Amino acid sequence: MEQRSGSLTFARSDEPGPRTATQVFNFTAPVEQAVAVLTGTDFGFSQPDGDHHVGRVTTLLDLAIDDDVVTVDGRFGVRDWSGNWDDDYQGSMQFLLLAELATGVQPSNLSITGIEHSQAIQHFRSQLHLDPATAGPDNQIPLVAGKDTVLRVYVDTGDDPTRPTIGRVTGLLEIRVPGGIWASVNPLNGPLAPIRDEQIQRDDPDATLNFLIPGAFATDRLEIRVRAFDAAVGNRPDLGVAGGPRQESLRFRSVEPLRVRGVLVNYTGTPAVPAPEDQRAEAAPRG
């Protein structure tokens, strides 16, 4: 039995009805069964409703098991004695997740330590190079609907002698729209030479496993699941050559198209400036 502690945070809002939040847990083996136990709450009204008396509090935990991934969903709401959802409130729920794992899965030297979501340039692992007090969190730049999205998967290769040695690293991405089925996406590069996580350089595109999600799938919410494994053996968790998967949900927001207006400039200075060449190639997203 494995134990994980979790917390769901609900920022200030007057959104009607109970609000929802999700936390995803990745395990090293398929989960046979799991339960989430509420261990604590913290809640209250925000100004200008801070003087209201708490009347009703809604707290509910639910979970879903998908192979070796457990998703915990929380519902949270605060009302005063009027019973109406018309007050600003905030709070959090703390819980303990108990999971029973399947037997027969061997520990691996491979593990995914991070996934960078990029449509052009991204804020990722910046705390390693910037002032931690001002550096933003990873993947904080919102994703835009309809655009191709590159995933850079950071894979750490350990050297534990009790586990199988990894030769070359490859992987598999699976994507799923709500209500759909998982579809597989192969990497753009690799197989890669084994490397420790702390030695990965972001300016080296072949230091990570890279995948492309077509823009047609970049709508609303998209679930992703990635696994890394030894290219010579394949996706065999039972042989200790495949690390536990990482599963996340990507959210894309719809925005108005960028309007570009050309301005004609008549340059009369010297020396003469040659006319620009015709550039018709479309820039591709960079990881």
C-alpha atoms as a PDB file:
ATOM      1  CA  MET A   1       0.000   0.000   0.000  1.00  0.00           C
ATOM      2  CA  GLU A   2       1.403   3.401  -1.001  1.00  0.00           C
ATOM      3  CA  GLN A   3       0.391   6.692   0.592  1.00  0.00           C
ATOM      4  CA  ARG A   4       0.405  10.128  -1.029  1.00  0.00           C
ATOM      5  CA  SER A   5      -0.718  13.388   0.512  1.00  0.00           C
ATOM      6  CA  GLY A   6      -2.497  15.953  -1.614  1.00  0.00           C
ATOM      7  CA  SER A   7      -4.144  19.353  -1.475  1.00  0.00           C
ATOM      8  CA  LEU A   8      -6.699  21.130  -3.650  1.00  0.00           C
ATOM      9  CA  THR A   9      -6.753  24.932  -3.549  1.00  0.00           C
ATOM     10  CA  PHE A  10      -9.716  27.107  -4.507  1.00  0.00           C
ATOM     11  CA  ALA A  11      -8.839  30.770  -5.003  1.00  0.00           C
ATOM     12  CA  ARG A  12     -11.239  33.624  -4.238  1.00  0.00           C
ATOM     13  CA  SER A  13     -14.317  33.589  -6.447  1.00  0.00           C
ATOM     14  CA  ASP A  14     -18.068  34.197  -6.425  1.00  0.00           C
ATOM     15  CA  GLU A  15     -18.621  31.534  -9.073  1.00  0.00           C
ATOM     16  CA  PRO A  16     -22.084  30.027  -8.576  1.00  0.00           C
ATOM     17  CA  GLY A  17     -22.297  26.514  -7.162  1.00  0.00           C
ATOM     18  CA  PRO A  18     -19.511  24.251  -5.934  1.00  0.00           C
ATOM     19  CA  ARG A  19     -16.210  24.580  -7.778  1.00  0.00           C
ATOM     20  CA  THR A  20     -13.969  21.714  -8.869  1.00  0.00           C
ATOM     21  CA  ALA A  21     -10.227  21.041  -8.828  1.00  0.00           C
ATOM     22  CA  THR A  22      -8.076  18.062  -9.834  1.00  0.00           C
ATOM     23  CA  GLN A  23      -4.759  16.546  -8.802  1.00  0.00           C
ATOM     24  CA  VAL A  24      -3.066  13.704 -10.717  1.00  0.00           C
ATOM     25  CA  PHE A  25      -0.809  11.089  -9.098  1.00  0.00           C
ATOM     26  CA  ASN A  26       1.575   8.860 -11.082  1.00  0.00           C
ATOM     27  CA  PHE A  27       2.655   5.517  -9.621  1.00  0.00           C
ATOM     28  CA  THR A  28       5.362   3.043 -10.655  1.00  0.00           C
ATOM     29  CA  ALA A  29       2.925   0.152 -11.194  1.00  0.00           C
ATOM     30  CA  PRO A  30      -0.736  -0.336 -12.157  1.00  0.00           C
ATOM     31  CA  VAL A  31      -3.115   0.591  -9.328  1.00  0.00           C
ATOM     32  CA  GLU A  32      -5.469  -2.185  -8.250  1.00  0.00           C
ATOM     33  CA  GLN A  33      -7.610  -0.008  -5.980  1.00  0.00           C
ATOM     34  CA  ALA A  34      -7.382   3.367  -4.248  1.00  0.00           C
ATOM     35  CA  VAL A  35      -9.239   5.609  -1.837  1.00  0.00           C
ATOM     36  CA  ALA A  36      -8.935   9.344  -1.035  1.00  0.00           C
ATOM     37  CA  VAL A  37      -9.549  10.338   2.599  1.00  0.00           C
ATOM     38  CA  LEU A  38     -10.320  13.950   3.540  1.00  0.00           C
ATOM     39  CA  THR A  39      -7.907  15.017   6.311  1.00  0.00           C
ATOM     40  CA  GLY A  40      -8.592  18.741   6.624  1.00  0.00           C
ATOM     41  CA  THR A  41     -10.167  21.885   5.217  1.00  0.00           C
ATOM     42  CA  ASP A  42      -9.573  25.618   5.378  1.00  0.00           C
ATOM     43  CA  PHE A  43     -12.216  28.033   4.124  1.00  0.00           C
ATOM     44  CA  GLY A  44     -13.864  31.396   4.600  1.00  0.00           C
ATOM     45  CA  PHE A  45     -15.533  34.362   2.954  1.00  0.00           C
ATOM     46  CA  SER A  46     -13.540  37.093   1.230  1.00  0.00           C
ATOM     47  CA  GLN A  47     -14.107  40.825   1.501  1.00  0.00           C
ATOM     48  CA  PRO A  48     -16.576  42.448   1.155  1.00  0.00           C
ATOM     49  CA  ASP A  49     -18.407  39.316   2.372  1.00  0.00           C
ATOM     50  CA  GLY A  50     -15.940  38.566   5.178  1.00  0.00           C
ATOM     51  CA  ASP A  51     -18.468  39.336   7.920  1.00  0.00           C
ATOM     52  CA  HIS A  52     -20.957  36.699   6.741  1.00  0.00           C
ATOM     53  CA  HIS A  53     -21.626  33.650   8.877  1.00  0.00           C
ATOM     54  CA  VAL A  54     -20.813  30.292   7.291  1.00  0.00           C
ATOM     55  CA  GLY A  55     -24.015  28.362   6.718  1.00  0.00           C
ATOM     56  CA  ARG A  56     -23.256  25.451   4.393  1.00  0.00           C
ATOM     57  CA  VAL A  57     -19.963  23.928   3.230  1.00  0.00           C
ATOM     58  CA  THR A  58     -19.695  21.405   0.400  1.00  0.00           C
ATOM     59  CA  THR A  59     -16.648  19.086   0.337  1.00  0.00           C
ATOM     60  CA  LEU A  60     -16.522  15.996  -1.836  1.00  0.00           C
ATOM     61  CA  LEU A  61     -13.642  13.821  -3.070  1.00  0.00           C
ATOM     62  CA  ASP A  62     -13.826  11.363  -5.938  1.00  0.00           C
ATOM     63  CA  LEU A  63     -11.139   9.507  -7.895  1.00  0.00           C
ATOM     64  CA  ALA A  64     -10.565   7.612 -11.106  1.00  0.00           C
ATOM     65  CA  ILE A  65      -7.944   4.905 -11.789  1.00  0.00           C
ATOM     66  CA  ASP A  66      -6.355   4.627 -15.234  1.00  0.00           C
ATOM     67  CA  ASP A  67      -3.645   1.938 -15.198  1.00  0.00           C
ATOM     68  CA  ASP A  68      -0.875   3.437 -12.994  1.00  0.00           C
ATOM     69  CA  VAL A  69      -2.415   6.913 -12.738  1.00  0.00           C
ATOM     70  CA  VAL A  70      -4.931   8.069 -10.123  1.00  0.00           C
ATOM     71  CA  THR A  71      -6.874  11.305 -10.643  1.00  0.00           C
ATOM     72  CA  VAL A  72      -8.457  12.883  -7.556  1.00  0.00           C
ATOM     73  CA  ASP A  73     -11.346  15.296  -8.172  1.00  0.00           C
ATOM     74  CA  GLY A  74     -12.588  17.647  -5.469  1.00  0.00           C
ATOM     75  CA  ARG A  75     -15.813  19.686  -5.202  1.00  0.00           C
ATOM     76  CA  PHE A  76     -15.852  22.634  -2.828  1.00  0.00           C
ATOM     77  CA  GLY A  77     -18.334  25.382  -2.032  1.00  0.00           C
ATOM     78  CA  VAL A  78     -19.196  27.802   0.787  1.00  0.00           C
ATOM     79  CA  ARG A  79     -22.540  29.566   1.365  1.00  0.00           C
ATOM     80  CA  ASP A  80     -24.013  31.656   4.129  1.00  0.00           C
ATOM     81  CA  TRP A  81     -27.376  30.854   5.747  1.00  0.00           C
ATOM     82  CA  SER A  82     -29.276  32.372   2.814  1.00  0.00           C
ATOM     83  CA  GLY A  83     -28.371  29.307   0.792  1.00  0.00           C
ATOM     84  CA  ASN A  84     -27.544  31.419  -2.267  1.00  0.00           C
ATOM     85  CA  TRP A  85     -24.277  31.200  -4.232  1.00  0.00           C
ATOM     86  CA  ASP A  86     -23.665  34.949  -4.175  1.00  0.00           C
ATOM     87  CA  ASP A  87     -20.627  35.384  -1.892  1.00  0.00           C
ATOM     88  CA  ASP A  88     -16.884  35.534  -2.535  1.00  0.00           C
ATOM     89  CA  TYR A  89     -15.170  32.605  -0.853  1.00  0.00           C
ATOM     90  CA  GLN A  90     -11.900  30.687  -0.920  1.00  0.00           C
ATOM     91  CA  GLY A  91     -10.405  27.648   0.745  1.00  0.00           C
ATOM     92  CA  SER A  92      -8.548  24.354   0.401  1.00  0.00           C
ATOM     93  CA  MET A  93      -9.019  20.632   0.980  1.00  0.00           C
ATOM     94  CA  GLN A  94      -6.283  18.313   2.252  1.00  0.00           C
ATOM     95  CA  PHE A  95      -6.460  14.572   1.713  1.00  0.00           C
ATOM     96  CA  LEU A  96      -4.545  11.304   1.933  1.00  0.00           C
ATOM     97  CA  LEU A  97      -4.490   8.965  -1.065  1.00  0.00           C
ATOM     98  CA  LEU A  98      -4.076   5.244  -0.347  1.00  0.00           C
ATOM     99  CA  ALA A  99      -3.261   3.072  -3.375  1.00  0.00           C
ATOM    100  CA  GLU A 100      -2.721  -0.656  -3.671  1.00  0.00           C
ATOM    101  CA  LEU A 101      -0.313  -1.441  -6.509  1.00  0.00           C
ATOM    102  CA  ALA A 102      -0.244  -4.513  -8.702  1.00  0.00           C
ATOM    103  CA  THR A 103       2.634  -6.950  -8.278  1.00  0.00           C
ATOM    104  CA  GLY A 104       4.982  -8.150 -11.018  1.00  0.00           C
ATOM    105  CA  VAL A 105       6.263  -4.729 -12.131  1.00  0.00           C
ATOM    106  CA  GLN A 106      10.041  -4.282 -11.865  1.00  0.00           C
ATOM    107  CA  PRO A 107      11.612  -0.966 -10.767  1.00  0.00           C
ATOM    108  CA  SER A 108      13.397   0.870 -13.589  1.00  0.00           C
ATOM    109  CA  ASN A 109      16.353   3.216 -13.951  1.00  0.00           C
ATOM    110  CA  LEU A 110      14.170   5.430 -16.159  1.00  0.00           C
ATOM    111  CA  SER A 111      11.940   8.198 -14.800  1.00  0.00           C
ATOM    112  CA  ILE A 112      10.236  11.225 -16.364  1.00  0.00           C
ATOM    113  CA  THR A 113      11.093  14.315 -14.330  1.00  0.00           C
ATOM    114  CA  GLY A 114       9.239  16.992 -16.297  1.00  0.00           C
ATOM    115  CA  ILE A 115       7.245  17.828 -19.429  1.00  0.00           C
ATOM    116  CA  GLU A 116       7.584  21.200 -21.140  1.00  0.00           C
ATOM    117  CA  HIS A 117       4.567  22.433 -23.145  1.00  0.00           C
ATOM    118  CA  SER A 118       5.658  24.778 -25.895  1.00  0.00           C
ATOM    119  CA  GLN A 119       4.019  26.558 -28.827  1.00  0.00           C
ATOM    120  CA  ALA A 120       6.905  28.976 -29.436  1.00  0.00           C
ATOM    121  CA  ILE A 121       8.862  29.716 -26.260  1.00  0.00           C
ATOM    122  CA  GLN A 122       8.130  28.642 -22.720  1.00  0.00           C
ATOM    123  CA  HIS A 123       8.836  29.467 -19.079  1.00  0.00           C
ATOM    124  CA  PHE A 124      10.319  26.152 -17.883  1.00  0.00           C
ATOM    125  CA  ARG A 125      12.897  25.394 -15.193  1.00  0.00           C
ATOM    126  CA  SER A 126      13.712  29.095 -15.112  1.00  0.00           C
ATOM    127  CA  GLN A 127      14.261  28.957 -11.356  1.00  0.00           C
ATOM    128  CA  LEU A 128      17.592  27.268 -12.145  1.00  0.00           C
ATOM    129  CA  HIS A 129      18.852  30.397 -13.929  1.00  0.00           C
ATOM    130  CA  LEU A 130      16.758  33.274 -12.577  1.00  0.00           C
ATOM    131  CA  ASP A 131      16.118  34.702  -9.157  1.00  0.00           C
ATOM    132  CA  PRO A 132      13.813  32.121  -7.472  1.00  0.00           C
ATOM    133  CA  ALA A 133      11.913  34.991  -5.840  1.00  0.00           C
ATOM    134  CA  THR A 134      10.794  36.309  -9.235  1.00  0.00           C
ATOM    135  CA  ALA A 135      10.908  33.232 -11.506  1.00  0.00           C
ATOM    136  CA  GLY A 136       7.456  31.997 -12.495  1.00  0.00           C
ATOM    137  CA  PRO A 137       6.283  28.385 -12.334  1.00  0.00           C
ATOM    138  CA  ASP A 138       6.903  25.912 -15.138  1.00  0.00           C
ATOM    139  CA  ASN A 139       4.526  25.966 -18.108  1.00  0.00           C
ATOM    140  CA  GLN A 140       2.894  29.179 -16.931  1.00  0.00           C
ATOM    141  CA  ILE A 141       2.463  30.575 -20.463  1.00  0.00           C
ATOM    142  CA  PRO A 142      -1.126  29.719 -21.549  1.00  0.00           C
ATOM    143  CA  LEU A 143      -1.629  27.397 -24.519  1.00  0.00           C
ATOM    144  CA  VAL A 144      -3.609  28.717 -27.492  1.00  0.00           C
ATOM    145  CA  ALA A 145      -6.270  26.579 -29.161  1.00  0.00           C
ATOM    146  CA  GLY A 146      -5.678  25.460 -32.720  1.00  0.00           C
ATOM    147  CA  LYS A 147      -1.870  25.712 -32.631  1.00  0.00           C
ATOM    148  CA  ASP A 148       0.612  22.862 -32.940  1.00  0.00           C
ATOM    149  CA  THR A 149       2.117  22.066 -29.537  1.00  0.00           C
ATOM    150  CA  VAL A 150       5.513  20.535 -28.831  1.00  0.00           C
ATOM    151  CA  LEU A 151       6.110  18.464 -25.712  1.00  0.00           C
ATOM    152  CA  ARG A 152       9.683  18.163 -24.465  1.00  0.00           C
ATOM    153  CA  VAL A 153       9.933  15.193 -22.102  1.00  0.00           C
ATOM    154  CA  TYR A 154      12.801  15.228 -19.613  1.00  0.00           C
ATOM    155  CA  VAL A 155      13.942  11.647 -18.896  1.00  0.00           C
ATOM    156  CA  ASP A 156      16.388  10.812 -16.117  1.00  0.00           C
ATOM    157  CA  THR A 157      18.423   7.606 -16.526  1.00  0.00           C
ATOM    158  CA  GLY A 158      19.740   6.221 -13.248  1.00  0.00           C
ATOM    159  CA  ASP A 159      22.581   3.776 -12.684  1.00  0.00           C
ATOM    160  CA  ASP A 160      21.204   1.522  -9.932  1.00  0.00           C
ATOM    161  CA  PRO A 161      23.093  -1.788 -10.455  1.00  0.00           C
ATOM    162  CA  THR A 162      20.138  -3.788  -9.094  1.00  0.00           C
ATOM    163  CA  ARG A 163      17.982  -2.621 -12.032  1.00  0.00           C
ATOM    164  CA  PRO A 164      18.360  -3.344 -15.768  1.00  0.00           C
ATOM    165  CA  THR A 165      20.877  -1.176 -17.617  1.00  0.00           C
ATOM    166  CA  ILE A 166      19.302   1.164 -20.185  1.00  0.00           C
ATOM    167  CA  GLY A 167      20.870   1.279 -23.655  1.00  0.00           C
ATOM    168  CA  ARG A 168      19.012   3.916 -25.704  1.00  0.00           C
ATOM    169  CA  VAL A 169      15.947   5.873 -24.586  1.00  0.00           C
ATOM    170  CA  THR A 170      12.739   6.308 -26.548  1.00  0.00           C
ATOM    171  CA  GLY A 171       9.108   6.737 -25.569  1.00  0.00           C
ATOM    172  CA  LEU A 172       5.467   6.997 -26.514  1.00  0.00           C
ATOM    173  CA  LEU A 173       2.918   9.783 -26.128  1.00  0.00           C
ATOM    174  CA  GLU A 174      -0.804   9.071 -25.853  1.00  0.00           C
ATOM    175  CA  ILE A 175      -3.440  11.798 -26.202  1.00  0.00           C
ATOM    176  CA  ARG A 176      -7.169  11.728 -25.509  1.00  0.00           C
ATOM    177  CA  VAL A 177      -9.912  14.314 -25.896  1.00  0.00           C
ATOM    178  CA  PRO A 178     -12.743  14.213 -23.313  1.00  0.00           C
ATOM    179  CA  GLY A 179     -14.924  11.187 -23.964  1.00  0.00           C
ATOM    180  CA  GLY A 180     -12.531   9.804 -26.578  1.00  0.00           C
ATOM    181  CA  ILE A 181      -9.990   6.986 -26.699  1.00  0.00           C
ATOM    182  CA  TRP A 182      -6.209   7.138 -26.370  1.00  0.00           C
ATOM    183  CA  ALA A 183      -4.296   7.790 -29.615  1.00  0.00           C
ATOM    184  CA  SER A 184      -0.548   7.130 -29.885  1.00  0.00           C
ATOM    185  CA  VAL A 185       2.063   9.649 -31.051  1.00  0.00           C
ATOM    186  CA  ASN A 186       5.676   8.646 -31.763  1.00  0.00           C
ATOM    187  CA  PRO A 187       8.603  10.933 -30.832  1.00  0.00           C
ATOM    188  CA  LEU A 188      10.123  13.366 -33.324  1.00  0.00           C
ATOM    189  CA  ASN A 189      13.652  12.372 -32.357  1.00  0.00           C
ATOM    190  CA  GLY A 190      15.693   9.645 -30.696  1.00  0.00           C
ATOM    191  CA  PRO A 191      16.460   7.102 -29.533  1.00  0.00           C
ATOM    192  CA  LEU A 192      18.563   9.135 -27.106  1.00  0.00           C
ATOM    193  CA  ALA A 193      21.714   8.292 -25.200  1.00  0.00           C
ATOM    194  CA  PRO A 194      21.070   7.831 -21.451  1.00  0.00           C
ATOM    195  CA  ILE A 195      21.573  11.044 -19.475  1.00  0.00           C
ATOM    196  CA  ARG A 196      21.025  12.224 -15.924  1.00  0.00           C
ATOM    197  CA  ASP A 197      18.375  14.876 -15.406  1.00  0.00           C
ATOM    198  CA  GLU A 198      20.791  17.468 -14.020  1.00  0.00           C
ATOM    199  CA  GLN A 199      22.902  17.205 -17.197  1.00  0.00           C
ATOM    200  CA  ILE A 200      20.032  18.023 -19.590  1.00  0.00           C
ATOM    201  CA  GLN A 201      20.556  21.379 -21.341  1.00  0.00           C
ATOM    202  CA  ARG A 202      17.427  23.129 -22.635  1.00  0.00           C
ATOM    203  CA  ASP A 203      19.300  24.552 -25.634  1.00  0.00           C
ATOM    204  CA  ASP A 204      20.008  21.011 -26.875  1.00  0.00           C
ATOM    205  CA  PRO A 205      16.840  19.769 -28.639  1.00  0.00           C
ATOM    206  CA  ASP A 206      18.122  16.173 -28.606  1.00  0.00           C
ATOM    207  CA  ALA A 207      18.601  16.081 -24.838  1.00  0.00           C
ATOM    208  CA  THR A 208      14.844  15.498 -24.418  1.00  0.00           C
ATOM    209  CA  LEU A 209      12.249  13.291 -26.096  1.00  0.00           C
ATOM    210  CA  ASN A 210      10.136  15.586 -28.285  1.00  0.00           C
ATOM    211  CA  PHE A 211       6.564  15.025 -29.473  1.00  0.00           C
ATOM    212  CA  LEU A 212       4.263  17.086 -31.711  1.00  0.00           C
ATOM    213  CA  ILE A 213       0.540  17.446 -30.971  1.00  0.00           C
ATOM    214  CA  PRO A 214      -1.256  18.681 -34.127  1.00  0.00           C
ATOM    215  CA  GLY A 215      -3.303  21.845 -33.740  1.00  0.00           C
ATOM    216  CA  ALA A 216      -6.504  19.950 -34.563  1.00  0.00           C
ATOM    217  CA  PHE A 217      -6.286  18.335 -31.112  1.00  0.00           C
ATOM    218  CA  ALA A 218      -5.559  21.622 -29.312  1.00  0.00           C
ATOM    219  CA  THR A 219      -9.132  22.378 -28.313  1.00  0.00           C
ATOM    220  CA  ASP A 220     -10.423  22.997 -24.794  1.00  0.00           C
ATOM    221  CA  ARG A 221      -8.931  20.163 -22.700  1.00  0.00           C
ATOM    222  CA  LEU A 222      -6.604  17.351 -23.808  1.00  0.00           C
ATOM    223  CA  GLU A 223      -5.321  14.514 -21.633  1.00  0.00           C
ATOM    224  CA  ILE A 224      -1.768  13.350 -22.256  1.00  0.00           C
ATOM    225  CA  ARG A 225       0.148  10.304 -21.032  1.00  0.00           C
ATOM    226  CA  VAL A 226       3.865   9.729 -21.678  1.00  0.00           C
ATOM    227  CA  ARG A 227       6.089   6.744 -20.969  1.00  0.00           C
ATOM    228  CA  ALA A 228       9.846   6.329 -21.560  1.00  0.00           C
ATOM    229  CA  PHE A 229      11.500   2.957 -22.164  1.00  0.00           C
ATOM    230  CA  ASP A 230      14.574   1.196 -23.553  1.00  0.00           C
ATOM    231  CA  ALA A 231      14.409   1.316 -27.368  1.00  0.00           C
ATOM    232  CA  ALA A 232      15.955  -2.149 -27.759  1.00  0.00           C
ATOM    233  CA  VAL A 233      13.440  -3.890 -25.481  1.00  0.00           C
ATOM    234  CA  GLY A 234      10.247  -1.863 -25.806  1.00  0.00           C
ATOM    235  CA  ASN A 235       7.523  -0.801 -23.413  1.00  0.00           C
ATOM    236  CA  ARG A 236       7.931  -3.628 -20.897  1.00  0.00           C
ATOM    237  CA  PRO A 237       7.372  -2.461 -17.291  1.00  0.00           C
ATOM    238  CA  ASP A 238       7.511  -6.108 -16.212  1.00  0.00           C
ATOM    239  CA  LEU A 239      11.174  -6.252 -17.301  1.00  0.00           C
ATOM    240  CA  GLY A 240      12.255  -3.052 -15.538  1.00  0.00           C
ATOM    241  CA  VAL A 241      13.095  -1.181 -18.762  1.00  0.00           C
ATOM    242  CA  ALA A 242      10.118   1.218 -18.719  1.00  0.00           C
ATOM    243  CA  GLY A 243       9.620   4.028 -16.244  1.00  0.00           C
ATOM    244  CA  GLY A 244       6.294   4.975 -14.737  1.00  0.00           C
ATOM    245  CA  PRO A 245       4.187   7.232 -16.987  1.00  0.00           C
ATOM    246  CA  ARG A 246       3.417  10.909 -16.503  1.00  0.00           C
ATOM    247  CA  GLN A 247      -0.174  11.965 -17.104  1.00  0.00           C
ATOM    248  CA  GLU A 248      -1.443  15.535 -17.293  1.00  0.00           C
ATOM    249  CA  SER A 249      -4.314  17.587 -18.688  1.00  0.00           C
ATOM    250  CA  LEU A 250      -3.539  20.404 -21.111  1.00  0.00           C
ATOM    251  CA  ARG A 251      -5.968  23.288 -21.397  1.00  0.00           C
ATOM    252  CA  PHE A 252      -6.132  25.485 -24.487  1.00  0.00           C
ATOM    253  CA  ARG A 253      -7.848  28.856 -24.669  1.00  0.00           C
ATOM    254  CA  SER A 254      -9.476  30.320 -27.749  1.00  0.00           C
ATOM    255  CA  VAL A 255      -8.206  33.756 -28.754  1.00  0.00           C
ATOM    256  CA  GLU A 256      -8.924  36.171 -31.570  1.00  0.00           C
ATOM    257  CA  PRO A 257      -6.604  35.819 -34.601  1.00  0.00           C
ATOM    258  CA  LEU A 258      -3.667  38.200 -34.614  1.00  0.00           C
ATOM    259  CA  ARG A 259      -4.349  41.031 -37.035  1.00  0.00           C
ATOM    260  CA  VAL A 260      -1.263  42.197 -38.921  1.00  0.00           C
ATOM    261  CA  ARG A 261      -1.237  45.459 -40.869  1.00  0.00           C
ATOM    262  CA  GLY A 262       1.525  46.397 -43.297  1.00  0.00           C
ATOM    263  CA  VAL A 263       2.835  49.953 -43.401  1.00  0.00           C
ATOM    264  CA  LEU A 264       4.588  51.262 -46.537  1.00  0.00           C
ATOM    265  CA  VAL A 265       7.771  53.206 -45.745  1.00  0.00           C
ATOM    266  CA  ASN A 266       9.519  55.345 -48.357  1.00  0.00           C
ATOM    267  CA  TYR A 267      13.179  55.457 -47.336  1.00  0.00           C
ATOM    268  CA  THR A 268      15.136  58.356 -48.887  1.00  0.00           C
ATOM    269  CA  GLY A 269      18.320  58.196 -46.866  1.00  0.00           C
ATOM    270  CA  THR A 270      21.749  56.872 -47.802  1.00  0.00           C
ATOM    271  CA  PRO A 271      23.123  54.317 -48.241  1.00  0.00           C
ATOM    272  CA  ALA A 272      20.360  52.582 -50.164  1.00  0.00           C
ATOM    273  CA  VAL A 273      18.662  49.716 -48.361  1.00  0.00           C
ATOM    274  CA  PRO A 274      17.944  46.649 -50.545  1.00  0.00           C
ATOM    275  CA  ALA A 275      14.372  45.405 -50.741  1.00  0.00           C
ATOM    276  CA  PRO A 276      13.632  42.497 -48.406  1.00  0.00           C
ATOM    277  CA  GLU A 277      13.520  39.009 -49.853  1.00  0.00           C
ATOM    278  CA  ASP A 278      10.175  37.249 -50.205  1.00  0.00           C
ATOM    279  CA  GLN A 279       9.765  35.161 -47.031  1.00  0.00           C
ATOM    280  CA  ARG A 280       6.978  32.650 -47.386  1.00  0.00           C
ATOM    281  CA  ALA A 281       8.130  29.867 -45.043  1.00  0.00           C
ATOM    282  CA  GLU A 282       5.925  29.467 -41.997  1.00  0.00           C
ATOM    283  CA  ALA A 283       7.825  29.450 -38.721  1.00  0.00           C
ATOM    284  CA  ALA A 284       7.452  26.189 -36.812  1.00  0.00           C
ATOM    285  CA  PRO A 285       7.082  26.015 -33.011  1.00  0.00           C
ATOM    286  CA  ARG A 286      10.384  25.639 -31.210  1.00  0.00           C
ATOM    287  CA  GLY A 287      10.779  23.534 -28.092  1.00  0.00           C
END
